[in-house]
Amino acid sequence: MFTASANARQSTVQAPDWLLDRPPAGGRSWRRIAFKLAALGGLALLGALWGAAVAFANLNALYLCVSLIGCVFILRDFRIGVVLLILLLPISRSYLFPHAMLGITGLNPFNLLLAGTLGSCLLHGLFDGTLRRFMPRPLLWLYIVPILVAGALGSRRVGDIAPGFFMYDMVAFYDAAGYLRELVAKPLMMVVFALLVGAAVSRSEKPERFLIPTLVSIWVMGAVVVVYFFLSGVALGELASSSSRGFLSALGLHANDLGRLYAVAYALLLFTWAESREPGLRLALLASMALVVVALLLTFSRGAFLGFLVVNGLFLLWRANARTLAFIGLLTAVALLLLPDAVYDRMTTGFGGGLNAISAGRIEGIWLPLLPEVMHSPIYGNGLGSILWSEAMRRTDGVTILGTTHPHNAYLEALLDVGIAGLVLLCAFYAHVWKGFRALSVDPAVSPALRGFYLGATAGLASFLIAALVDSSLAPRSEQAFLWLAIGMMYGQLARRPDHEPGRDR
């Protein structure tokens, strides 16, 4: 027995394979061990290099490192990148977000993630045969092409821009390349974002999961203004005055832009809350609405107030039942009791002084002087940003016009930039989007929460188009982030339909 146990111990306790100079047991090889050692060494070297880079380049190197690491995961599944983009997009244009790294303008975390996600999505589409459906044809021909044509026309007029815009640093470019970067490439990044969202939704088993990063993004944008206001110590009455309209510009977005952003976000939250059947989600949506309403009020944007009223009016119109009436009645009662006088004062600014006073001087100071410019090229327009080289801005013979880079009317801007033909195409695109939103809002194959989301997107689109009468643009802008998120989800949802044919809904 002793001999047998000794032999057993001898058979179980053996020297390692590498000491006996024979191939490793279990199929392991020296090549595999060397690969692991090389990988560990590479990680250690990468850590050392990035540590040195952070020491010399501060946080810029850290941002770059995190972005590149994120791109590694994105290559495996581009939907990870889409989630990150949803979280970052609304705040990516603000001063709170880095816009350059290592001294290179445009090299920032958002652009790196966008490029990595786009590359990964295109590779996936190339291998699974869905690449040809990546670009919806209505989006291409009704929206992108008019903007590209107007950009090409305008790039030839950079030398005609009124000198005052350069003297006071009101534009961020000085040549045709900079013009195309700022007025064409950057805005169209919003469209690329929507396309990526659509591709991710079309490949997801539960598209409603994209509501979670959307909620987080809304919370971030709402908290930014609320926290900034409380830290500033500014009184509401002072913030509501016309002289304080640039107060929130320190965040990188004008108060009017933030207000329109919140109006669309509120529409998405309100209708999703009304349709959702999950108590936890409904509670989160209700809390989110409260935050967004507070942030919207702090912008003191009359256009945002108008959009807010439009959204609630459509909610009452489309969901006329006892619960809806009770909700609207409660909301109205709370508003009448809690709204400070500063809000009422802001809403009634200019009343009694005529239409020009109500429009904050837009009619006589901007719109009327710019109307003759439309006739210079009424069919296809004068190019993107044509107000910069308009005769009204360049003349010094007594014609009075406010010094601004935007006409403060999206439809007038479209007439100036893309002409009647372009305006018709852009309006046709938004009509196409409206139709898609409405179709999905009543589709029984879509989950209740998403049906509410798309109905809210319809209301948000309506509020945007009405507010566009006094500001904003029909071309992509930062305050349209949540609207373009909804457009992307719409295209992805339409692509999931069993009866979908390439190009039919896209």
Protein backbone atom coordinates (compact mmCIF):
# COMPACT_ATOMS: atom_id res chain seq x y z
CA MET A 1 0.00 0.00 0.00
CA PHE A 2 2.86 2.31 0.85
CA THR A 3 4.45 1.61 -2.50
CA ALA A 4 1.19 2.27 -4.34
CA SER A 5 0.60 5.59 -2.60
CA ALA A 6 4.16 6.66 -3.26
CA ASN A 7 3.78 5.83 -6.92
CA ALA A 8 0.52 7.81 -6.95
CA ARG A 9 2.21 10.86 -5.46
CA GLN A 10 5.07 10.45 -7.91
CA SER A 11 2.65 10.32 -10.82
CA THR A 12 0.71 13.38 -9.71
CA VAL A 13 3.61 15.60 -8.67
CA GLN A 14 5.75 16.23 -11.73
CA ALA A 15 8.16 18.91 -12.80
CA PRO A 16 6.82 21.64 -15.09
CA ASP A 17 6.99 20.93 -18.79
CA TRP A 18 9.37 23.81 -19.43
CA LEU A 19 11.90 22.30 -16.95
CA LEU A 20 11.82 18.96 -18.73
CA ASP A 21 12.46 20.65 -22.09
CA ARG A 22 9.37 19.24 -23.75
CA PRO A 23 6.24 20.82 -25.27
CA PRO A 24 3.71 22.13 -22.72
CA ALA A 25 0.84 19.85 -21.76
CA GLY A 26 -2.71 20.51 -22.90
CA GLY A 27 -1.73 21.92 -26.30
CA ARG A 28 -0.01 25.04 -24.90
CA SER A 29 2.95 26.27 -26.89
CA TRP A 30 5.81 28.68 -26.47
CA ARG A 31 4.22 30.88 -29.13
CA ARG A 32 1.09 31.32 -27.03
CA ILE A 33 3.09 32.16 -23.92
CA ALA A 34 5.19 34.64 -25.87
CA PHE A 35 2.06 36.29 -27.21
CA LYS A 36 0.66 36.78 -23.70
CA LEU A 37 3.95 38.17 -22.47
CA ALA A 38 4.09 40.53 -25.44
CA ALA A 39 0.51 41.66 -24.78
CA LEU A 40 1.28 42.36 -21.13
CA GLY A 41 4.44 44.18 -22.12
CA GLY A 42 2.53 46.21 -24.68
CA LEU A 43 -0.08 47.22 -22.12
CA ALA A 44 2.64 48.21 -19.68
CA LEU A 45 4.40 50.23 -22.38
CA LEU A 46 1.12 51.87 -23.39
CA GLY A 47 0.45 52.80 -19.78
CA ALA A 48 3.92 54.27 -19.42
CA LEU A 49 3.61 56.27 -22.63
CA TRP A 50 0.19 57.63 -21.72
CA GLY A 51 1.40 58.44 -18.23
CA ALA A 52 4.23 60.48 -19.71
CA ALA A 53 1.82 62.11 -22.19
CA VAL A 54 -0.54 63.12 -19.39
CA ALA A 55 2.40 64.57 -17.47
CA PHE A 56 3.32 66.78 -20.43
CA ALA A 57 -0.09 67.39 -22.06
CA ASN A 58 -2.31 67.40 -18.95
CA LEU A 59 -5.91 66.25 -19.45
CA ASN A 60 -5.77 66.39 -23.26
CA ALA A 61 -3.79 63.17 -23.40
CA LEU A 62 -6.20 61.55 -20.97
CA TYR A 63 -9.17 62.52 -23.16
CA LEU A 64 -7.39 61.12 -26.19
CA CYS A 65 -6.52 57.89 -24.39
CA VAL A 66 -10.07 57.33 -23.17
CA SER A 67 -11.45 58.06 -26.65
CA LEU A 68 -9.08 55.60 -28.31
CA ILE A 69 -9.86 52.91 -25.75
CA GLY A 70 -13.55 53.51 -26.41
CA CYS A 71 -12.93 53.10 -30.14
CA VAL A 72 -11.44 49.64 -29.47
CA PHE A 73 -14.73 48.47 -27.94
CA ILE A 74 -16.68 50.25 -30.65
CA LEU A 75 -14.94 48.21 -33.34
CA ARG A 76 -16.44 45.10 -31.77
CA ASP A 77 -19.96 46.57 -31.57
CA PHE A 78 -20.65 50.03 -32.97
CA ARG A 79 -23.81 50.28 -30.87
CA ILE A 80 -21.57 50.98 -27.87
CA GLY A 81 -20.38 54.06 -29.69
CA VAL A 82 -23.95 55.11 -30.48
CA VAL A 83 -24.85 55.00 -26.78
CA LEU A 84 -21.81 57.13 -25.95
CA LEU A 85 -22.72 59.60 -28.70
CA ILE A 86 -26.26 59.92 -27.36
CA LEU A 87 -24.82 60.77 -23.96
CA LEU A 88 -22.35 63.31 -25.34
CA LEU A 89 -24.09 64.96 -28.31
CA PRO A 90 -26.19 67.62 -26.53
CA ILE A 91 -23.24 68.83 -24.47
CA SER A 92 -20.57 68.38 -27.14
CA ARG A 93 -20.97 71.94 -28.45
CA SER A 94 -20.81 73.59 -25.03
CA TYR A 95 -17.72 75.07 -23.41
CA LEU A 96 -17.87 72.33 -20.79
CA PHE A 97 -16.66 69.85 -23.40
CA PRO A 98 -13.11 69.84 -24.84
CA HIS A 99 -13.07 71.03 -28.46
CA ALA A 100 -9.37 70.45 -29.14
CA MET A 101 -6.71 68.09 -27.88
CA LEU A 102 -2.93 68.35 -28.15
CA GLY A 103 -3.38 71.73 -29.83
CA ILE A 104 -5.30 70.26 -32.78
CA THR A 105 -8.68 71.91 -33.41
CA GLY A 106 -11.36 69.33 -34.10
CA LEU A 107 -9.46 66.55 -32.37
CA ASN A 108 -11.79 65.93 -29.44
CA PRO A 109 -13.46 62.94 -27.77
CA PHE A 110 -16.78 63.39 -29.57
CA ASN A 111 -15.27 63.57 -33.05
CA LEU A 112 -13.04 60.56 -32.35
CA LEU A 113 -16.01 58.54 -31.11
CA LEU A 114 -18.10 59.64 -34.09
CA ALA A 115 -15.37 58.65 -36.56
CA GLY A 116 -14.75 55.32 -34.82
CA THR A 117 -18.45 54.51 -34.61
CA LEU A 118 -19.01 55.44 -38.25
CA GLY A 119 -16.08 53.30 -39.38
CA SER A 120 -17.26 50.33 -37.33
CA CYS A 121 -20.83 50.70 -38.59
CA LEU A 122 -19.72 50.85 -42.22
CA LEU A 123 -17.56 47.75 -41.76
CA HIS A 124 -20.45 45.85 -40.21
CA GLY A 125 -22.74 46.99 -43.01
CA LEU A 126 -20.19 45.96 -45.63
CA PHE A 127 -19.98 42.42 -44.27
CA ASP A 128 -23.68 41.83 -43.56
CA GLY A 129 -24.94 43.48 -46.76
CA THR A 130 -26.88 46.32 -45.12
CA LEU A 131 -24.56 49.12 -46.22
CA ARG A 132 -26.78 50.08 -49.15
CA ARG A 133 -29.60 50.88 -46.71
CA PHE A 134 -27.46 53.10 -44.49
CA MET A 135 -28.52 56.34 -46.19
CA PRO A 136 -32.30 56.89 -46.54
CA ARG A 137 -33.04 58.43 -49.91
CA PRO A 138 -35.45 61.13 -48.66
CA LEU A 139 -32.78 62.31 -46.25
CA LEU A 140 -30.18 62.40 -49.00
CA TRP A 141 -32.14 64.14 -51.76
CA LEU A 142 -34.49 66.35 -49.76
CA TYR A 143 -32.06 67.47 -47.07
CA ILE A 144 -28.38 66.74 -47.57
CA VAL A 145 -28.10 67.62 -51.26
CA PRO A 146 -29.62 71.15 -50.93
CA ILE A 147 -27.24 71.90 -48.05
CA LEU A 148 -24.22 70.64 -50.00
CA VAL A 149 -25.17 72.67 -53.07
CA ALA A 150 -25.68 75.82 -50.98
CA GLY A 151 -22.36 75.18 -49.25
CA ALA A 152 -20.58 74.94 -52.59
CA LEU A 153 -22.17 78.21 -53.73
CA GLY A 154 -21.32 80.03 -50.52
CA SER A 155 -17.70 78.87 -50.42
CA ARG A 156 -17.02 81.16 -53.40
CA ARG A 157 -18.30 84.22 -51.52
CA VAL A 158 -16.08 84.12 -48.42
CA GLY A 159 -14.08 87.05 -49.73
CA ASP A 160 -17.27 89.15 -49.91
CA ILE A 161 -18.12 88.79 -46.22
CA ALA A 162 -18.60 92.14 -44.47
CA PRO A 163 -15.28 93.03 -42.75
CA GLY A 164 -17.00 93.74 -39.44
CA PHE A 165 -17.65 90.04 -38.88
CA PHE A 166 -13.91 89.36 -38.94
CA MET A 167 -13.03 92.45 -36.91
CA TYR A 168 -15.30 91.42 -34.03
CA ASP A 169 -14.59 87.66 -34.31
CA MET A 170 -18.20 86.88 -35.12
CA VAL A 171 -17.21 84.07 -37.49
CA ALA A 172 -14.81 81.19 -36.86
CA PHE A 173 -13.27 80.98 -40.34
CA TYR A 174 -11.27 83.12 -42.75
CA ASP A 175 -11.16 81.09 -45.97
CA ALA A 176 -13.23 78.70 -48.06
CA ALA A 177 -11.90 75.63 -46.25
CA GLY A 178 -12.89 77.06 -42.88
CA TYR A 179 -16.29 78.05 -44.27
CA LEU A 180 -16.98 74.49 -45.44
CA ARG A 181 -15.80 73.13 -42.09
CA GLU A 182 -17.98 75.42 -39.97
CA LEU A 183 -21.14 75.75 -42.08
CA VAL A 184 -21.26 72.40 -43.90
CA ALA A 185 -19.20 69.66 -42.23
CA LYS A 186 -19.96 70.44 -38.59
CA PRO A 187 -23.74 70.76 -39.02
CA LEU A 188 -23.92 67.56 -41.08
CA MET A 189 -22.27 65.67 -38.23
CA MET A 190 -25.71 65.81 -36.63
CA VAL A 191 -27.09 63.93 -39.63
CA VAL A 192 -24.31 61.33 -39.39
CA PHE A 193 -25.22 60.88 -35.73
CA ALA A 194 -28.86 60.24 -36.69
CA LEU A 195 -27.80 57.69 -39.31
CA LEU A 196 -25.72 55.83 -36.73
CA VAL A 197 -28.63 55.82 -34.29
CA GLY A 198 -30.85 54.41 -37.01
CA ALA A 199 -28.37 51.66 -37.83
CA ALA A 200 -28.07 50.74 -34.15
CA VAL A 201 -31.84 50.66 -33.61
CA SER A 202 -32.39 48.49 -36.68
CA ARG A 203 -29.98 45.89 -35.23
CA SER A 204 -31.34 45.92 -31.67
CA GLU A 205 -33.79 43.37 -30.31
CA LYS A 206 -35.25 45.95 -27.90
CA PRO A 207 -34.95 49.47 -29.37
CA GLU A 208 -36.67 50.90 -26.29
CA ARG A 209 -33.40 50.42 -24.41
CA PHE A 210 -32.09 53.52 -26.19
CA LEU A 211 -34.48 55.51 -24.03
CA ILE A 212 -32.12 55.00 -21.07
CA PRO A 213 -29.11 56.91 -22.50
CA THR A 214 -31.57 59.49 -23.82
CA LEU A 215 -32.86 60.07 -20.29
CA VAL A 216 -29.32 60.37 -18.95
CA SER A 217 -28.46 62.88 -21.67
CA ILE A 218 -31.54 64.96 -20.87
CA TRP A 219 -30.64 64.96 -17.18
CA VAL A 220 -27.13 66.17 -17.93
CA MET A 221 -28.34 69.02 -20.12
CA GLY A 222 -31.04 70.03 -17.66
CA ALA A 223 -28.74 69.92 -14.64
CA VAL A 224 -26.13 72.08 -16.38
CA VAL A 225 -28.38 75.14 -16.50
CA VAL A 226 -29.98 74.59 -13.09
CA VAL A 227 -26.62 74.16 -11.32
CA TYR A 228 -25.07 77.07 -13.20
CA PHE A 229 -27.94 79.34 -12.19
CA PHE A 230 -27.74 78.45 -8.50
CA LEU A 231 -23.97 78.82 -8.41
CA SER A 232 -24.11 82.22 -10.12
CA GLY A 233 -26.35 83.81 -7.51
CA VAL A 234 -28.16 85.87 -10.17
CA ALA A 235 -31.70 86.95 -9.32
CA LEU A 236 -34.57 85.77 -11.52
CA GLY A 237 -35.62 89.32 -12.30
CA GLU A 238 -32.16 90.14 -13.60
CA LEU A 239 -31.98 86.94 -15.62
CA ALA A 240 -35.33 87.72 -17.26
CA SER A 241 -34.26 91.15 -18.50
CA SER A 242 -33.43 91.68 -22.16
CA SER A 243 -29.92 92.78 -21.22
CA SER A 244 -29.16 89.34 -19.73
CA ARG A 245 -29.93 87.24 -22.80
CA GLY A 246 -26.27 86.25 -23.04
CA PHE A 247 -26.03 85.00 -19.45
CA LEU A 248 -26.16 81.31 -20.36
CA SER A 249 -23.83 81.81 -23.33
CA ALA A 250 -20.98 81.10 -20.92
CA LEU A 251 -22.06 77.47 -21.23
CA GLY A 252 -21.51 77.58 -25.00
CA LEU A 253 -25.15 77.76 -26.08
CA HIS A 254 -27.45 80.78 -26.18
CA ALA A 255 -30.47 80.79 -23.90
CA ASN A 256 -32.83 80.63 -26.89
CA ASP A 257 -31.01 77.56 -28.24
CA LEU A 258 -31.18 75.83 -24.87
CA GLY A 259 -34.87 76.67 -24.59
CA ARG A 260 -35.70 75.01 -27.90
CA LEU A 261 -33.60 72.00 -26.93
CA TYR A 262 -35.58 71.63 -23.71
CA ALA A 263 -38.92 72.08 -25.48
CA VAL A 264 -38.25 69.06 -27.71
CA ALA A 265 -36.91 67.04 -24.78
CA TYR A 266 -40.05 67.85 -22.79
CA ALA A 267 -42.23 66.66 -25.67
CA LEU A 268 -40.41 63.32 -25.82
CA LEU A 269 -40.68 62.86 -22.05
CA LEU A 270 -44.34 63.86 -21.78
CA PHE A 271 -45.73 61.54 -24.45
CA THR A 272 -43.46 58.64 -23.46
CA TRP A 273 -44.69 59.02 -19.88
CA ALA A 274 -48.30 58.94 -21.07
CA GLU A 275 -47.85 55.68 -23.00
CA SER A 276 -45.41 53.80 -20.77
CA ARG A 277 -46.70 50.89 -18.67
CA GLU A 278 -43.64 50.49 -16.42
CA PRO A 279 -43.96 52.25 -13.02
CA GLY A 280 -40.21 52.75 -12.63
CA LEU A 281 -39.85 54.31 -16.06
CA ARG A 282 -42.89 56.52 -15.51
CA LEU A 283 -41.42 57.83 -12.27
CA ALA A 284 -38.08 58.55 -13.97
CA LEU A 285 -39.87 60.31 -16.82
CA LEU A 286 -41.90 62.42 -14.41
CA ALA A 287 -38.78 63.51 -12.51
CA SER A 288 -37.06 64.27 -15.81
CA MET A 289 -39.96 66.44 -16.93
CA ALA A 290 -39.77 68.44 -13.71
CA LEU A 291 -36.06 69.09 -14.25
CA VAL A 292 -36.52 70.03 -17.90
CA VAL A 293 -39.37 72.44 -17.13
CA VAL A 294 -37.24 74.21 -14.51
CA ALA A 295 -34.31 74.44 -16.94
CA LEU A 296 -36.61 75.70 -19.71
CA LEU A 297 -38.00 78.42 -17.47
CA LEU A 298 -34.49 79.53 -16.53
CA THR A 299 -33.70 80.21 -20.20
CA PHE A 300 -36.46 82.87 -20.26
CA SER A 301 -36.75 82.18 -23.97
CA ARG A 302 -40.12 83.29 -25.32
CA GLY A 303 -39.69 80.96 -28.28
CA ALA A 304 -39.19 78.08 -25.85
CA PHE A 305 -42.26 79.15 -23.87
CA LEU A 306 -44.24 79.10 -27.11
CA GLY A 307 -42.91 75.65 -27.97
CA PHE A 308 -43.82 74.43 -24.48
CA LEU A 309 -47.40 75.64 -24.95
CA VAL A 310 -47.59 73.99 -28.38
CA VAL A 311 -46.46 70.65 -26.95
CA ASN A 312 -49.02 70.76 -24.14
CA GLY A 313 -51.74 71.87 -26.54
CA LEU A 314 -51.05 68.91 -28.83
CA PHE A 315 -50.96 66.59 -25.83
CA LEU A 316 -54.42 67.79 -24.88
CA LEU A 317 -55.65 67.52 -28.48
CA TRP A 318 -54.30 64.04 -29.18
CA ARG A 319 -55.05 62.51 -25.80
CA ALA A 320 -58.39 64.03 -24.85
CA ASN A 321 -59.44 61.88 -21.88
CA ALA A 322 -60.09 62.36 -18.18
CA ARG A 323 -56.53 61.61 -17.12
CA THR A 324 -55.13 64.03 -19.69
CA LEU A 325 -57.49 66.79 -18.63
CA ALA A 326 -56.59 66.19 -14.98
CA PHE A 327 -52.87 66.33 -15.76
CA ILE A 328 -53.14 69.52 -17.80
CA GLY A 329 -55.38 71.09 -15.17
CA LEU A 330 -52.92 70.23 -12.40
CA LEU A 331 -50.00 71.51 -14.46
CA THR A 332 -51.81 74.77 -15.18
CA ALA A 333 -52.74 75.28 -11.54
CA VAL A 334 -49.19 74.64 -10.37
CA ALA A 335 -47.85 77.00 -13.02
CA LEU A 336 -50.20 79.80 -12.04
CA LEU A 337 -49.32 79.42 -8.37
CA LEU A 338 -45.57 78.90 -8.56
CA LEU A 339 -44.41 80.85 -11.58
CA PRO A 340 -42.50 83.95 -10.46
CA ASP A 341 -43.42 87.38 -11.76
CA ALA A 342 -40.20 87.45 -13.79
CA VAL A 343 -41.61 84.76 -16.11
CA TYR A 344 -44.79 86.74 -16.77
CA ASP A 345 -42.76 89.88 -17.34
CA ARG A 346 -40.58 88.08 -19.88
CA MET A 347 -43.55 86.56 -21.70
CA THR A 348 -45.22 89.96 -22.11
CA THR A 349 -42.09 91.85 -23.19
CA GLY A 350 -42.92 94.26 -26.00
CA PHE A 351 -46.69 93.99 -25.64
CA GLY A 352 -48.26 97.37 -26.25
CA GLY A 353 -45.33 98.55 -28.35
CA GLY A 354 -46.28 97.02 -31.69
CA LEU A 355 -45.14 93.94 -33.59
CA ASN A 356 -41.58 95.16 -33.94
CA ALA A 357 -41.25 95.52 -30.16
CA ILE A 358 -42.76 92.08 -29.60
CA SER A 359 -40.27 90.61 -32.08
CA ALA A 360 -37.38 92.29 -30.20
CA GLY A 361 -36.63 94.50 -33.20
CA ARG A 362 -36.40 91.63 -35.68
CA ILE A 363 -38.99 92.96 -38.13
CA GLU A 364 -37.46 96.37 -38.79
CA GLY A 365 -33.90 95.59 -37.74
CA ILE A 366 -33.34 92.31 -39.62
CA TRP A 367 -36.19 90.92 -41.71
CA LEU A 368 -37.23 93.94 -43.77
CA PRO A 369 -33.63 94.95 -44.68
CA LEU A 370 -32.90 91.35 -45.75
CA LEU A 371 -35.99 90.76 -47.90
CA PRO A 372 -34.48 92.38 -51.05
CA GLU A 373 -31.59 89.90 -50.82
CA VAL A 374 -33.97 87.08 -51.69
CA MET A 375 -34.43 88.46 -55.21
CA HIS A 376 -30.71 88.25 -55.98
CA SER A 377 -31.07 84.49 -56.44
CA PRO A 378 -34.67 83.48 -55.70
CA ILE A 379 -34.56 79.95 -57.13
CA TYR A 380 -31.45 78.31 -55.66
CA GLY A 381 -30.32 80.92 -53.13
CA ASN A 382 -27.07 82.70 -52.37
CA GLY A 383 -25.27 80.01 -50.36
CA LEU A 384 -25.15 79.02 -46.70
CA GLY A 385 -24.72 81.96 -44.36
CA SER A 386 -25.45 84.45 -47.13
CA ILE A 387 -26.41 87.10 -44.58
CA LEU A 388 -22.66 87.51 -44.00
CA TRP A 389 -22.09 89.01 -47.47
CA SER A 390 -25.54 90.51 -48.01
CA GLU A 391 -25.80 94.06 -49.33
CA ALA A 392 -27.66 95.07 -46.17
CA MET A 393 -24.60 94.13 -44.11
CA ARG A 394 -22.05 95.66 -46.47
CA ARG A 395 -23.77 98.97 -47.23
CA THR A 396 -22.96 102.06 -45.20
CA ASP A 397 -25.39 104.51 -46.81
CA GLY A 398 -27.74 104.81 -43.87
CA VAL A 399 -29.45 101.41 -44.09
CA THR A 400 -29.87 100.20 -40.52
CA ILE A 401 -29.61 96.48 -39.73
CA LEU A 402 -28.67 94.69 -36.55
CA GLY A 403 -25.22 93.14 -36.65
CA THR A 404 -25.98 89.43 -36.53
CA THR A 405 -24.82 86.29 -38.29
CA HIS A 406 -28.34 84.85 -38.43
CA PRO A 407 -31.65 86.26 -39.75
CA HIS A 408 -33.51 84.98 -36.65
CA ASN A 409 -36.09 83.35 -38.88
CA ALA A 410 -35.38 79.85 -40.17
CA TYR A 411 -37.62 80.24 -43.22
CA LEU A 412 -36.14 83.58 -44.25
CA GLU A 413 -32.69 82.08 -43.79
CA ALA A 414 -33.65 79.17 -46.05
CA LEU A 415 -34.95 81.56 -48.73
CA LEU A 416 -31.70 83.51 -48.61
CA ASP A 417 -29.40 80.49 -48.53
CA VAL A 418 -31.06 77.74 -50.59
CA GLY A 419 -33.78 79.68 -52.43
CA ILE A 420 -37.36 78.69 -53.12
CA ALA A 421 -36.33 75.30 -54.51
CA GLY A 422 -34.27 74.48 -51.45
CA LEU A 423 -36.98 75.66 -49.05
CA VAL A 424 -39.52 73.41 -50.78
CA LEU A 425 -37.15 70.43 -50.47
CA LEU A 426 -36.40 71.09 -46.80
CA CYS A 427 -40.09 71.45 -45.98
CA ALA A 428 -40.79 68.23 -47.90
CA PHE A 429 -38.18 66.48 -45.75
CA TYR A 430 -39.80 67.64 -42.51
CA ALA A 431 -43.20 66.56 -43.86
CA HIS A 432 -41.66 63.15 -44.56
CA VAL A 433 -40.33 63.02 -40.98
CA TRP A 434 -43.73 64.04 -39.60
CA LYS A 435 -45.37 61.22 -41.55
CA GLY A 436 -42.83 58.70 -40.24
CA PHE A 437 -43.30 59.80 -36.64
CA ARG A 438 -47.07 59.59 -36.89
CA ALA A 439 -46.97 56.15 -38.52
CA LEU A 440 -44.79 54.70 -35.76
CA SER A 441 -46.85 56.31 -33.01
CA VAL A 442 -49.83 54.08 -33.96
CA ASP A 443 -47.90 50.97 -35.02
CA PRO A 444 -49.00 48.01 -32.82
CA ALA A 445 -45.67 46.29 -33.46
CA VAL A 446 -43.87 49.08 -31.59
CA SER A 447 -43.71 48.98 -27.79
CA PRO A 448 -46.04 51.40 -25.92
CA ALA A 449 -43.15 53.50 -24.59
CA LEU A 450 -41.71 53.95 -28.07
CA ARG A 451 -45.12 54.75 -29.53
CA GLY A 452 -45.32 57.56 -27.02
CA PHE A 453 -41.76 58.57 -27.85
CA TYR A 454 -42.58 58.95 -31.55
CA LEU A 455 -45.78 60.84 -30.82
CA GLY A 456 -43.73 63.13 -28.59
CA ALA A 457 -41.25 63.54 -31.43
CA THR A 458 -44.15 64.66 -33.63
CA ALA A 459 -45.13 67.28 -31.05
CA GLY A 460 -41.49 68.29 -30.66
CA LEU A 461 -41.18 68.72 -34.42
CA ALA A 462 -44.29 70.92 -34.44
CA SER A 463 -42.91 73.10 -31.64
CA PHE A 464 -39.59 73.38 -33.47
CA LEU A 465 -41.20 74.42 -36.76
CA ILE A 466 -43.31 77.07 -35.02
CA ALA A 467 -40.40 78.42 -32.96
CA ALA A 468 -38.38 78.55 -36.20
CA LEU A 469 -40.44 81.60 -37.17
CA VAL A 470 -38.36 83.72 -34.81
CA ASP A 471 -35.02 81.88 -34.67
CA SER A 472 -33.17 78.61 -35.27
CA SER A 473 -32.54 77.06 -38.68
CA LEU A 474 -33.93 74.36 -40.94
CA ALA A 475 -30.34 73.14 -41.31
CA PRO A 476 -28.86 71.03 -38.47
CA ARG A 477 -27.93 72.90 -35.30
CA SER A 478 -26.90 71.91 -31.79
CA GLU A 479 -30.29 72.62 -30.22
CA GLN A 480 -31.84 70.02 -32.55
CA ALA A 481 -29.92 67.16 -30.90
CA PHE A 482 -32.95 65.37 -29.44
CA LEU A 483 -34.99 65.94 -32.59
CA TRP A 484 -32.30 64.30 -34.72
CA LEU A 485 -32.02 61.49 -32.19
CA ALA A 486 -35.72 60.82 -32.74
CA ILE A 487 -35.28 61.02 -36.53
CA GLY A 488 -32.50 58.45 -36.36
CA MET A 489 -34.60 56.12 -34.21
CA MET A 490 -37.47 56.57 -36.67
CA TYR A 491 -35.36 55.38 -39.60
CA GLY A 492 -34.05 52.45 -37.57
CA GLN A 493 -37.56 51.46 -36.50
CA LEU A 494 -38.86 51.64 -40.06
CA ALA A 495 -36.00 49.42 -41.21
CA ARG A 496 -37.11 46.75 -38.70
CA ARG A 497 -40.52 46.33 -40.30
CA PRO A 498 -41.01 42.85 -41.81
CA ASP A 499 -42.54 44.33 -44.96
CA HIS A 500 -39.71 46.85 -45.30
CA GLU A 501 -38.31 47.21 -48.77
CA PRO A 502 -35.07 49.06 -49.46
CA GLY A 503 -35.97 52.62 -50.28
CA ARG A 504 -39.69 52.23 -49.54
CA ASP A 505 -39.65 53.92 -46.15
CA ARG A 506 -36.14 55.13 -46.36
